[in-house]
Amino acid sequence: MFRSKFSAILIAVFIGFASVLMGASVVNAQNQSYDTSRLISIGGSITEIIYALGEEDRLIARDTTSREPVEAMKLPDVGYIRRLSPEGVLSVNPTAIIALEGSGPKEAIDVLQKASVPFIIVPESYDAEGIVNKIRKTGEALNVPEKAAALIKEVQADLASAQAAGEASDLKNMRVLFVLSTRVGRITASGFGTAADGIIKLAGATNVIDQFQGYKQLSNEAIIKAAPDVILMMARGGDHGAGNKELFGNPSIAATPAGEKQNIVRMNGLYLLGFGPRTANAIRDLSQALSEFKG
């Protein structure tokens, strides 16, 4: 009996050591091979999904972007999603880590993936299907596929309703410029393939910047040529969040229809760009806010 227990221990140690050497934790198709009783979530939408699934009791920590629901703020903060420290993440002794695609920096993620703690990455895309996929993958990771299926059904119906409302508002000719930053007087805006681009399209409007992917600084000429009807920004302060006086005092912004009429919409960043369970409501709110500038 002693020999049997000793052999089992040796096998367990060998598997854990092999996982470290291989740089990955092996998970079977039923997601039964790892323990999620002490879980860290990295990514605000992932944390929201875990709460929406009713599995929040597993959470022992979260990242800085995980600010909803408010109960999540009581959990220890292991750092910002794109500036993670492996030491900080592992210091709370998790049994598993679930992270949104794009977490970083790469060096930190490489270290975490090589640790003996299972590290699950959830893909991100900025459309309705992306939200559904996040819920599905999170449900699989927590081994609650039935709960995930129920939440997906609810979210899909809500998203379809919100998109239909946006289409009914007839905003397709509404030209929106999403401004990420106004730091040192330079406008950094959203091109295609971003969360901002995705939410603008879901609301039924048009992102005026379609010449590049991601977020980039715009020249004054590019801003004037884009001729947005409305400026969309996250509601935040600091160097990145200009007040209306500063924003519309920018000569290039002032020369656009949005600048002339001072048309601006500000919304909470996670709510607007999170692509999680609350996105249908964000679509409705954005559509309604944009509708006020029609005509």
C-alpha atoms as a PDB file:
ATOM      1  CA  MET A   1       0.000   0.000   0.000  1.00  0.00           C
ATOM      2  CA  PHE A   2       2.863   2.342   0.874  1.00  0.00           C
ATOM      3  CA  ARG A   3       4.551   1.499  -2.413  1.00  0.00           C
ATOM      4  CA  SER A   4       1.336   2.285  -4.298  1.00  0.00           C
ATOM      5  CA  LYS A   5       0.952   5.681  -2.603  1.00  0.00           C
ATOM      6  CA  PHE A   6       4.608   6.449  -3.175  1.00  0.00           C
ATOM      7  CA  SER A   7       4.319   5.573  -6.874  1.00  0.00           C
ATOM      8  CA  ALA A   8       1.263   7.812  -7.226  1.00  0.00           C
ATOM      9  CA  ILE A   9       3.163  10.702  -5.676  1.00  0.00           C
ATOM     10  CA  LEU A  10       6.109  10.151  -8.015  1.00  0.00           C
ATOM     11  CA  ILE A  11       3.786  10.111 -11.030  1.00  0.00           C
ATOM     12  CA  ALA A  12       2.092  13.342  -9.928  1.00  0.00           C
ATOM     13  CA  VAL A  13       5.453  15.036  -9.389  1.00  0.00           C
ATOM     14  CA  PHE A  14       6.679  13.825 -12.785  1.00  0.00           C
ATOM     15  CA  ILE A  15       3.569  15.140 -14.570  1.00  0.00           C
ATOM     16  CA  GLY A  16       3.882  18.542 -12.901  1.00  0.00           C
ATOM     17  CA  PHE A  17       7.602  18.695 -13.732  1.00  0.00           C
ATOM     18  CA  ALA A  18       6.943  17.650 -17.329  1.00  0.00           C
ATOM     19  CA  SER A  19       4.337  20.400 -17.666  1.00  0.00           C
ATOM     20  CA  VAL A  20       6.912  22.967 -16.630  1.00  0.00           C
ATOM     21  CA  LEU A  21       9.472  21.612 -19.095  1.00  0.00           C
ATOM     22  CA  MET A  22       6.948  21.514 -21.956  1.00  0.00           C
ATOM     23  CA  GLY A  23       5.754  25.036 -21.200  1.00  0.00           C
ATOM     24  CA  ALA A  24       2.082  24.096 -21.063  1.00  0.00           C
ATOM     25  CA  SER A  25      -0.525  22.485 -18.898  1.00  0.00           C
ATOM     26  CA  VAL A  26      -2.298  19.627 -20.628  1.00  0.00           C
ATOM     27  CA  VAL A  27      -6.091  19.780 -20.459  1.00  0.00           C
ATOM     28  CA  ASN A  28      -8.372  17.010 -21.641  1.00  0.00           C
ATOM     29  CA  ALA A  29     -11.424  17.532 -23.837  1.00  0.00           C
ATOM     30  CA  GLN A  30     -13.729  17.556 -20.817  1.00  0.00           C
ATOM     31  CA  ASN A  31     -11.546  20.064 -18.946  1.00  0.00           C
ATOM     32  CA  GLN A  32     -11.292  17.681 -15.997  1.00  0.00           C
ATOM     33  CA  SER A  33      -7.519  17.594 -15.574  1.00  0.00           C
ATOM     34  CA  TYR A  34      -6.968  20.763 -13.589  1.00  0.00           C
ATOM     35  CA  ASP A  35      -8.300  22.423 -10.469  1.00  0.00           C
ATOM     36  CA  THR A  36     -10.089  25.787 -10.744  1.00  0.00           C
ATOM     37  CA  SER A  37     -10.961  26.135  -7.066  1.00  0.00           C
ATOM     38  CA  ARG A  38      -8.455  29.012  -6.665  1.00  0.00           C
ATOM     39  CA  LEU A  39      -8.844  30.954  -9.895  1.00  0.00           C
ATOM     40  CA  ILE A  40      -7.334  34.214 -11.145  1.00  0.00           C
ATOM     41  CA  SER A  41      -9.151  36.031 -13.944  1.00  0.00           C
ATOM     42  CA  ILE A  42      -7.244  38.419 -16.177  1.00  0.00           C
ATOM     43  CA  GLY A  43      -9.464  40.619 -18.344  1.00  0.00           C
ATOM     44  CA  GLY A  44     -12.537  42.563 -17.284  1.00  0.00           C
ATOM     45  CA  SER A  45     -14.915  40.723 -19.603  1.00  0.00           C
ATOM     46  CA  ILE A  46     -13.674  37.333 -18.368  1.00  0.00           C
ATOM     47  CA  THR A  47     -14.354  38.334 -14.778  1.00  0.00           C
ATOM     48  CA  GLU A  48     -17.837  39.550 -15.717  1.00  0.00           C
ATOM     49  CA  ILE A  49     -18.542  36.265 -17.481  1.00  0.00           C
ATOM     50  CA  ILE A  50     -17.437  34.250 -14.452  1.00  0.00           C
ATOM     51  CA  TYR A  51     -19.853  36.227 -12.284  1.00  0.00           C
ATOM     52  CA  ALA A  52     -22.618  35.879 -14.887  1.00  0.00           C
ATOM     53  CA  LEU A  53     -22.072  32.109 -14.810  1.00  0.00           C
ATOM     54  CA  GLY A  54     -22.464  32.145 -11.018  1.00  0.00           C
ATOM     55  CA  GLU A  55     -18.939  30.779 -10.515  1.00  0.00           C
ATOM     56  CA  GLU A  56     -17.435  33.742  -8.679  1.00  0.00           C
ATOM     57  CA  ASP A  57     -16.714  31.692  -5.544  1.00  0.00           C
ATOM     58  CA  ARG A  58     -13.725  30.221  -7.370  1.00  0.00           C
ATOM     59  CA  LEU A  59     -12.086  33.624  -7.817  1.00  0.00           C
ATOM     60  CA  ILE A  60      -9.239  34.537  -5.482  1.00  0.00           C
ATOM     61  CA  ALA A  61      -7.816  37.475  -7.479  1.00  0.00           C
ATOM     62  CA  ARG A  62      -8.347  39.563 -10.619  1.00  0.00           C
ATOM     63  CA  ASP A  63      -6.534  42.081 -12.775  1.00  0.00           C
ATOM     64  CA  THR A  64      -6.900  45.865 -12.627  1.00  0.00           C
ATOM     65  CA  THR A  65      -9.385  46.024 -15.510  1.00  0.00           C
ATOM     66  CA  SER A  66     -11.787  43.709 -13.672  1.00  0.00           C
ATOM     67  CA  ARG A  67     -13.919  46.365 -12.004  1.00  0.00           C
ATOM     68  CA  GLU A  68     -17.376  44.917 -12.621  1.00  0.00           C
ATOM     69  CA  PRO A  69     -19.426  43.783 -10.887  1.00  0.00           C
ATOM     70  CA  VAL A  70     -18.476  45.886  -7.878  1.00  0.00           C
ATOM     71  CA  GLU A  71     -18.022  42.742  -5.770  1.00  0.00           C
ATOM     72  CA  ALA A  72     -14.960  41.926  -7.879  1.00  0.00           C
ATOM     73  CA  MET A  73     -13.204  44.984  -6.480  1.00  0.00           C
ATOM     74  CA  LYS A  74     -12.939  43.203  -3.120  1.00  0.00           C
ATOM     75  CA  LEU A  75     -10.580  40.649  -4.663  1.00  0.00           C
ATOM     76  CA  PRO A  76      -6.801  41.165  -4.635  1.00  0.00           C
ATOM     77  CA  ASP A  77      -5.477  42.987  -7.715  1.00  0.00           C
ATOM     78  CA  VAL A  78      -2.582  41.191  -9.457  1.00  0.00           C
ATOM     79  CA  GLY A  79      -1.820  44.003 -11.911  1.00  0.00           C
ATOM     80  CA  TYR A  80      -2.826  45.555 -15.211  1.00  0.00           C
ATOM     81  CA  ILE A  81      -3.713  43.129 -18.002  1.00  0.00           C
ATOM     82  CA  ARG A  82      -0.923  44.359 -20.307  1.00  0.00           C
ATOM     83  CA  ARG A  83       1.716  44.881 -17.602  1.00  0.00           C
ATOM     84  CA  LEU A  84       1.535  41.673 -15.598  1.00  0.00           C
ATOM     85  CA  SER A  85       4.259  40.458 -13.282  1.00  0.00           C
ATOM     86  CA  PRO A  86       4.567  36.651 -13.022  1.00  0.00           C
ATOM     87  CA  GLU A  87       5.596  36.977  -9.401  1.00  0.00           C
ATOM     88  CA  GLY A  88       2.538  39.074  -8.563  1.00  0.00           C
ATOM     89  CA  VAL A  89       0.169  36.701 -10.345  1.00  0.00           C
ATOM     90  CA  LEU A  90       1.607  33.589  -8.725  1.00  0.00           C
ATOM     91  CA  SER A  91       1.948  35.160  -5.259  1.00  0.00           C
ATOM     92  CA  VAL A  92      -1.691  34.375  -4.383  1.00  0.00           C
ATOM     93  CA  ASN A  93      -1.143  30.648  -5.017  1.00  0.00           C
ATOM     94  CA  PRO A  94      -3.718  30.051  -7.756  1.00  0.00           C
ATOM     95  CA  THR A  95      -4.636  26.581  -8.970  1.00  0.00           C
ATOM     96  CA  ALA A  96      -5.474  28.003 -12.420  1.00  0.00           C
ATOM     97  CA  ILE A  97      -5.294  31.261 -14.376  1.00  0.00           C
ATOM     98  CA  ILE A  98      -7.752  32.275 -17.075  1.00  0.00           C
ATOM     99  CA  ALA A  99      -6.659  35.205 -19.222  1.00  0.00           C
ATOM    100  CA  LEU A 100      -8.029  37.176 -22.118  1.00  0.00           C
ATOM    101  CA  GLU A 101      -6.070  37.007 -25.351  1.00  0.00           C
ATOM    102  CA  GLY A 102      -3.766  40.011 -25.579  1.00  0.00           C
ATOM    103  CA  SER A 103      -2.668  39.887 -21.947  1.00  0.00           C
ATOM    104  CA  GLY A 104       0.976  40.740 -21.523  1.00  0.00           C
ATOM    105  CA  PRO A 105       3.729  41.536 -21.785  1.00  0.00           C
ATOM    106  CA  LYS A 106       4.732  38.496 -23.829  1.00  0.00           C
ATOM    107  CA  GLU A 107       7.658  37.725 -21.557  1.00  0.00           C
ATOM    108  CA  ALA A 108       5.368  37.563 -18.528  1.00  0.00           C
ATOM    109  CA  ILE A 109       2.864  35.335 -20.319  1.00  0.00           C
ATOM    110  CA  ASP A 110       5.679  33.023 -21.438  1.00  0.00           C
ATOM    111  CA  VAL A 111       6.773  32.610 -17.815  1.00  0.00           C
ATOM    112  CA  LEU A 112       3.213  32.015 -16.603  1.00  0.00           C
ATOM    113  CA  GLN A 113       2.572  29.443 -19.327  1.00  0.00           C
ATOM    114  CA  LYS A 114       5.696  27.571 -18.258  1.00  0.00           C
ATOM    115  CA  ALA A 115       4.648  27.493 -14.607  1.00  0.00           C
ATOM    116  CA  SER A 116       3.033  24.417 -13.094  1.00  0.00           C
ATOM    117  CA  VAL A 117      -0.286  26.299 -12.783  1.00  0.00           C
ATOM    118  CA  PRO A 118      -2.654  25.748 -15.748  1.00  0.00           C
ATOM    119  CA  PHE A 119      -2.901  28.905 -17.856  1.00  0.00           C
ATOM    120  CA  ILE A 120      -6.002  29.171 -20.052  1.00  0.00           C
ATOM    121  CA  ILE A 121      -6.167  31.823 -22.805  1.00  0.00           C
ATOM    122  CA  VAL A 122      -9.599  32.908 -24.013  1.00  0.00           C
ATOM    123  CA  PRO A 123      -9.674  34.262 -27.605  1.00  0.00           C
ATOM    124  CA  GLU A 124     -10.904  37.797 -28.243  1.00  0.00           C
ATOM    125  CA  SER A 125     -12.744  39.211 -31.249  1.00  0.00           C
ATOM    126  CA  TYR A 126     -14.835  42.338 -31.408  1.00  0.00           C
ATOM    127  CA  ASP A 127     -18.202  41.131 -32.629  1.00  0.00           C
ATOM    128  CA  ALA A 128     -21.250  39.272 -31.342  1.00  0.00           C
ATOM    129  CA  GLU A 129     -19.712  35.883 -32.107  1.00  0.00           C
ATOM    130  CA  GLY A 130     -16.604  36.894 -30.160  1.00  0.00           C
ATOM    131  CA  ILE A 131     -18.694  37.432 -27.028  1.00  0.00           C
ATOM    132  CA  VAL A 132     -20.405  34.068 -27.477  1.00  0.00           C
ATOM    133  CA  ASN A 133     -17.048  32.368 -27.953  1.00  0.00           C
ATOM    134  CA  LYS A 134     -15.649  33.962 -24.788  1.00  0.00           C
ATOM    135  CA  ILE A 135     -18.589  32.678 -22.769  1.00  0.00           C
ATOM    136  CA  ARG A 136     -18.255  29.212 -24.310  1.00  0.00           C
ATOM    137  CA  LYS A 137     -14.506  28.987 -23.697  1.00  0.00           C
ATOM    138  CA  THR A 138     -14.844  30.273 -20.133  1.00  0.00           C
ATOM    139  CA  GLY A 139     -17.610  27.760 -19.449  1.00  0.00           C
ATOM    140  CA  GLU A 140     -15.441  24.965 -20.821  1.00  0.00           C
ATOM    141  CA  ALA A 141     -12.494  26.069 -18.704  1.00  0.00           C
ATOM    142  CA  LEU A 142     -14.653  25.984 -15.561  1.00  0.00           C
ATOM    143  CA  ASN A 143     -16.373  22.752 -16.650  1.00  0.00           C
ATOM    144  CA  VAL A 144     -19.843  24.328 -16.584  1.00  0.00           C
ATOM    145  CA  PRO A 145     -20.916  23.998 -20.246  1.00  0.00           C
ATOM    146  CA  GLU A 146     -24.623  23.884 -19.375  1.00  0.00           C
ATOM    147  CA  LYS A 147     -24.422  27.224 -17.573  1.00  0.00           C
ATOM    148  CA  ALA A 148     -22.451  28.665 -20.477  1.00  0.00           C
ATOM    149  CA  ALA A 149     -25.045  27.445 -22.991  1.00  0.00           C
ATOM    150  CA  ALA A 150     -27.841  29.099 -21.015  1.00  0.00           C
ATOM    151  CA  LEU A 151     -25.928  32.379 -20.760  1.00  0.00           C
ATOM    152  CA  ILE A 152     -25.090  32.279 -24.473  1.00  0.00           C
ATOM    153  CA  LYS A 153     -28.746  31.885 -25.369  1.00  0.00           C
ATOM    154  CA  GLU A 154     -29.652  34.878 -23.221  1.00  0.00           C
ATOM    155  CA  VAL A 155     -26.802  37.040 -24.511  1.00  0.00           C
ATOM    156  CA  GLN A 156     -27.454  36.181 -28.163  1.00  0.00           C
ATOM    157  CA  ALA A 157     -31.093  37.217 -27.883  1.00  0.00           C
ATOM    158  CA  ASP A 158     -30.113  40.452 -26.128  1.00  0.00           C
ATOM    159  CA  LEU A 159     -27.452  41.271 -28.737  1.00  0.00           C
ATOM    160  CA  ALA A 160     -29.846  40.618 -31.615  1.00  0.00           C
ATOM    161  CA  SER A 161     -32.405  42.932 -30.031  1.00  0.00           C
ATOM    162  CA  ALA A 162     -29.816  45.665 -29.462  1.00  0.00           C
ATOM    163  CA  GLN A 163     -28.488  45.455 -33.013  1.00  0.00           C
ATOM    164  CA  ALA A 164     -32.010  45.580 -34.421  1.00  0.00           C
ATOM    165  CA  ALA A 165     -32.656  48.742 -32.410  1.00  0.00           C
ATOM    166  CA  GLY A 166     -29.456  50.266 -33.781  1.00  0.00           C
ATOM    167  CA  GLU A 167     -30.447  49.449 -37.346  1.00  0.00           C
ATOM    168  CA  ALA A 168     -33.891  50.932 -36.744  1.00  0.00           C
ATOM    169  CA  SER A 169     -32.215  54.167 -35.655  1.00  0.00           C
ATOM    170  CA  ASP A 170     -30.734  54.435 -39.168  1.00  0.00           C
ATOM    171  CA  LEU A 171     -27.256  55.513 -38.075  1.00  0.00           C
ATOM    172  CA  LYS A 172     -25.333  54.065 -41.032  1.00  0.00           C
ATOM    173  CA  ASN A 173     -24.447  57.547 -42.264  1.00  0.00           C
ATOM    174  CA  MET A 174     -23.339  58.686 -38.799  1.00  0.00           C
ATOM    175  CA  ARG A 175     -19.541  59.072 -39.025  1.00  0.00           C
ATOM    176  CA  VAL A 176     -17.845  58.411 -35.698  1.00  0.00           C
ATOM    177  CA  LEU A 177     -14.226  59.028 -34.709  1.00  0.00           C
ATOM    178  CA  PHE A 178     -13.104  57.096 -31.636  1.00  0.00           C
ATOM    179  CA  VAL A 179     -10.353  59.035 -29.875  1.00  0.00           C
ATOM    180  CA  LEU A 180      -8.235  56.852 -27.610  1.00  0.00           C
ATOM    181  CA  SER A 181      -5.819  59.538 -26.499  1.00  0.00           C
ATOM    182  CA  THR A 182      -5.081  63.243 -26.824  1.00  0.00           C
ATOM    183  CA  ARG A 183      -1.706  63.050 -25.132  1.00  0.00           C
ATOM    184  CA  VAL A 184       0.638  65.979 -25.846  1.00  0.00           C
ATOM    185  CA  GLY A 185      -1.918  67.358 -28.252  1.00  0.00           C
ATOM    186  CA  ARG A 186      -1.756  64.417 -30.661  1.00  0.00           C
ATOM    187  CA  ILE A 187      -4.919  62.504 -31.517  1.00  0.00           C
ATOM    188  CA  THR A 188      -4.641  58.713 -31.323  1.00  0.00           C
ATOM    189  CA  ALA A 189      -7.694  57.136 -32.935  1.00  0.00           C
ATOM    190  CA  SER A 190      -9.143  53.745 -33.785  1.00  0.00           C
ATOM    191  CA  GLY A 191      -8.840  52.090 -37.157  1.00  0.00           C
ATOM    192  CA  PHE A 192     -10.494  48.772 -38.003  1.00  0.00           C
ATOM    193  CA  GLY A 193     -10.120  45.536 -36.062  1.00  0.00           C
ATOM    194  CA  THR A 194     -10.444  47.167 -32.625  1.00  0.00           C
ATOM    195  CA  ALA A 195     -13.008  47.046 -29.860  1.00  0.00           C
ATOM    196  CA  ALA A 196     -13.971  50.633 -30.696  1.00  0.00           C
ATOM    197  CA  ASP A 197     -14.487  49.762 -34.356  1.00  0.00           C
ATOM    198  CA  GLY A 198     -16.573  46.743 -33.347  1.00  0.00           C
ATOM    199  CA  ILE A 199     -18.898  48.596 -30.986  1.00  0.00           C
ATOM    200  CA  ILE A 200     -19.431  51.462 -33.463  1.00  0.00           C
ATOM    201  CA  LYS A 201     -20.494  48.968 -36.120  1.00  0.00           C
ATOM    202  CA  LEU A 202     -22.733  47.025 -33.729  1.00  0.00           C
ATOM    203  CA  ALA A 203     -24.466  50.302 -32.856  1.00  0.00           C
ATOM    204  CA  GLY A 204     -25.216  50.759 -36.542  1.00  0.00           C
ATOM    205  CA  ALA A 205     -22.838  53.669 -37.207  1.00  0.00           C
ATOM    206  CA  THR A 206     -19.661  54.068 -39.301  1.00  0.00           C
ATOM    207  CA  ASN A 207     -16.096  54.260 -38.068  1.00  0.00           C
ATOM    208  CA  VAL A 208     -14.560  57.071 -40.150  1.00  0.00           C
ATOM    209  CA  ILE A 209     -11.074  55.554 -39.960  1.00  0.00           C
ATOM    210  CA  ASP A 210     -10.762  52.464 -42.138  1.00  0.00           C
ATOM    211  CA  GLN A 211      -7.298  52.965 -43.641  1.00  0.00           C
ATOM    212  CA  PHE A 212      -5.373  51.090 -40.956  1.00  0.00           C
ATOM    213  CA  GLN A 213      -5.789  48.445 -38.282  1.00  0.00           C
ATOM    214  CA  GLY A 214      -5.447  49.164 -34.588  1.00  0.00           C
ATOM    215  CA  TYR A 215      -4.836  52.486 -32.869  1.00  0.00           C
ATOM    216  CA  LYS A 216      -2.527  55.107 -34.364  1.00  0.00           C
ATOM    217  CA  GLN A 217      -1.806  58.800 -34.165  1.00  0.00           C
ATOM    218  CA  LEU A 218      -3.553  60.811 -36.859  1.00  0.00           C
ATOM    219  CA  SER A 219      -2.170  63.774 -38.739  1.00  0.00           C
ATOM    220  CA  ASN A 220      -4.178  66.976 -38.716  1.00  0.00           C
ATOM    221  CA  GLU A 221      -4.924  66.445 -42.397  1.00  0.00           C
ATOM    222  CA  ALA A 222      -6.256  62.921 -41.774  1.00  0.00           C
ATOM    223  CA  ILE A 223      -8.614  64.160 -39.043  1.00  0.00           C
ATOM    224  CA  ILE A 224     -10.002  66.959 -41.206  1.00  0.00           C
ATOM    225  CA  LYS A 225     -10.402  64.612 -44.176  1.00  0.00           C
ATOM    226  CA  ALA A 226     -12.190  62.019 -42.024  1.00  0.00           C
ATOM    227  CA  ALA A 227     -14.864  64.643 -41.198  1.00  0.00           C
ATOM    228  CA  PRO A 228     -16.497  62.859 -38.250  1.00  0.00           C
ATOM    229  CA  ASP A 229     -19.992  63.823 -37.164  1.00  0.00           C
ATOM    230  CA  VAL A 230     -19.371  62.673 -33.578  1.00  0.00           C
ATOM    231  CA  ILE A 231     -16.340  62.074 -31.365  1.00  0.00           C
ATOM    232  CA  LEU A 232     -16.507  58.963 -29.174  1.00  0.00           C
ATOM    233  CA  MET A 233     -14.243  58.660 -26.127  1.00  0.00           C
ATOM    234  CA  MET A 234     -13.875  56.706 -22.930  1.00  0.00           C
ATOM    235  CA  ALA A 235     -14.903  58.565 -19.794  1.00  0.00           C
ATOM    236  CA  ARG A 236     -11.560  58.883 -18.040  1.00  0.00           C
ATOM    237  CA  GLY A 237      -9.049  61.456 -16.866  1.00  0.00           C
ATOM    238  CA  GLY A 238      -5.290  61.826 -16.915  1.00  0.00           C
ATOM    239  CA  ASP A 239      -3.134  62.618 -19.920  1.00  0.00           C
ATOM    240  CA  HIS A 240      -5.266  60.476 -22.215  1.00  0.00           C
ATOM    241  CA  GLY A 241      -8.669  62.003 -21.499  1.00  0.00           C
ATOM    242  CA  ALA A 242      -9.011  65.598 -22.662  1.00  0.00           C
ATOM    243  CA  GLY A 243     -11.874  67.747 -21.476  1.00  0.00           C
ATOM    244  CA  ASN A 244     -14.222  69.216 -24.065  1.00  0.00           C
ATOM    245  CA  LYS A 245     -12.452  72.579 -24.070  1.00  0.00           C
ATOM    246  CA  GLU A 246      -9.093  70.999 -24.829  1.00  0.00           C
ATOM    247  CA  LEU A 247     -10.491  68.501 -27.334  1.00  0.00           C
ATOM    248  CA  PHE A 248     -12.486  70.995 -29.363  1.00  0.00           C
ATOM    249  CA  GLY A 249      -9.662  73.492 -29.064  1.00  0.00           C
ATOM    250  CA  ASN A 250      -7.562  71.170 -31.208  1.00  0.00           C
ATOM    251  CA  PRO A 251      -7.545  72.917 -34.640  1.00  0.00           C
ATOM    252  CA  SER A 252      -8.004  69.709 -36.615  1.00  0.00           C
ATOM    253  CA  ILE A 253     -10.936  68.532 -34.472  1.00  0.00           C
ATOM    254  CA  ALA A 254     -12.459  72.014 -34.550  1.00  0.00           C
ATOM    255  CA  ALA A 255     -12.463  71.903 -38.354  1.00  0.00           C
ATOM    256  CA  THR A 256     -14.683  68.808 -38.485  1.00  0.00           C
ATOM    257  CA  PRO A 257     -18.494  68.653 -38.291  1.00  0.00           C
ATOM    258  CA  ALA A 258     -18.127  67.090 -34.822  1.00  0.00           C
ATOM    259  CA  GLY A 259     -15.892  69.962 -33.734  1.00  0.00           C
ATOM    260  CA  GLU A 260     -18.100  72.673 -35.174  1.00  0.00           C
ATOM    261  CA  LYS A 261     -21.141  71.340 -33.302  1.00  0.00           C
ATOM    262  CA  GLN A 262     -19.106  69.962 -30.357  1.00  0.00           C
ATOM    263  CA  ASN A 263     -20.734  66.544 -30.703  1.00  0.00           C
ATOM    264  CA  ILE A 264     -19.171  64.094 -28.278  1.00  0.00           C
ATOM    265  CA  VAL A 265     -20.167  60.883 -26.517  1.00  0.00           C
ATOM    266  CA  ARG A 266     -18.242  59.630 -23.489  1.00  0.00           C
ATOM    267  CA  MET A 267     -18.838  56.178 -21.998  1.00  0.00           C
ATOM    268  CA  ASN A 268     -17.182  53.971 -19.395  1.00  0.00           C
ATOM    269  CA  GLY A 269     -14.322  52.136 -21.069  1.00  0.00           C
ATOM    270  CA  LEU A 270     -14.997  48.590 -19.861  1.00  0.00           C
ATOM    271  CA  TYR A 271     -18.706  48.973 -20.511  1.00  0.00           C
ATOM    272  CA  LEU A 272     -18.147  50.349 -24.009  1.00  0.00           C
ATOM    273  CA  LEU A 273     -15.242  48.166 -25.138  1.00  0.00           C
ATOM    274  CA  GLY A 274     -15.372  45.095 -22.904  1.00  0.00           C
ATOM    275  CA  PHE A 275     -17.343  42.802 -25.217  1.00  0.00           C
ATOM    276  CA  GLY A 276     -18.871  40.811 -22.412  1.00  0.00           C
ATOM    277  CA  PRO A 277     -22.324  40.149 -20.915  1.00  0.00           C
ATOM    278  CA  ARG A 278     -23.198  43.874 -20.771  1.00  0.00           C
ATOM    279  CA  THR A 279     -22.361  44.691 -24.389  1.00  0.00           C
ATOM    280  CA  ALA A 280     -25.962  44.584 -25.614  1.00  0.00           C
ATOM    281  CA  ASN A 281     -26.805  47.396 -23.197  1.00  0.00           C
ATOM    282  CA  ALA A 282     -23.707  49.305 -24.311  1.00  0.00           C
ATOM    283  CA  ILE A 283     -24.895  49.006 -27.927  1.00  0.00           C
ATOM    284  CA  ARG A 284     -28.296  50.405 -26.968  1.00  0.00           C
ATOM    285  CA  ASP A 285     -26.794  53.277 -25.000  1.00  0.00           C
ATOM    286  CA  LEU A 286     -24.368  54.172 -27.777  1.00  0.00           C
ATOM    287  CA  SER A 287     -27.073  54.008 -30.456  1.00  0.00           C
ATOM    288  CA  GLN A 288     -29.313  56.241 -28.392  1.00  0.00           C
ATOM    289  CA  ALA A 289     -26.534  58.732 -27.706  1.00  0.00           C
ATOM    290  CA  LEU A 290     -25.581  58.905 -31.391  1.00  0.00           C
ATOM    291  CA  SER A 291     -29.201  59.303 -32.412  1.00  0.00           C
ATOM    292  CA  GLU A 292     -29.317  62.605 -30.568  1.00  0.00           C
ATOM    293  CA  PHE A 293     -26.926  64.063 -33.167  1.00  0.00           C
ATOM    294  CA  LYS A 294     -28.969  63.095 -36.214  1.00  0.00           C
ATOM    295  CA  GLY A 295     -30.536  65.637 -38.505  1.00  0.00           C
END
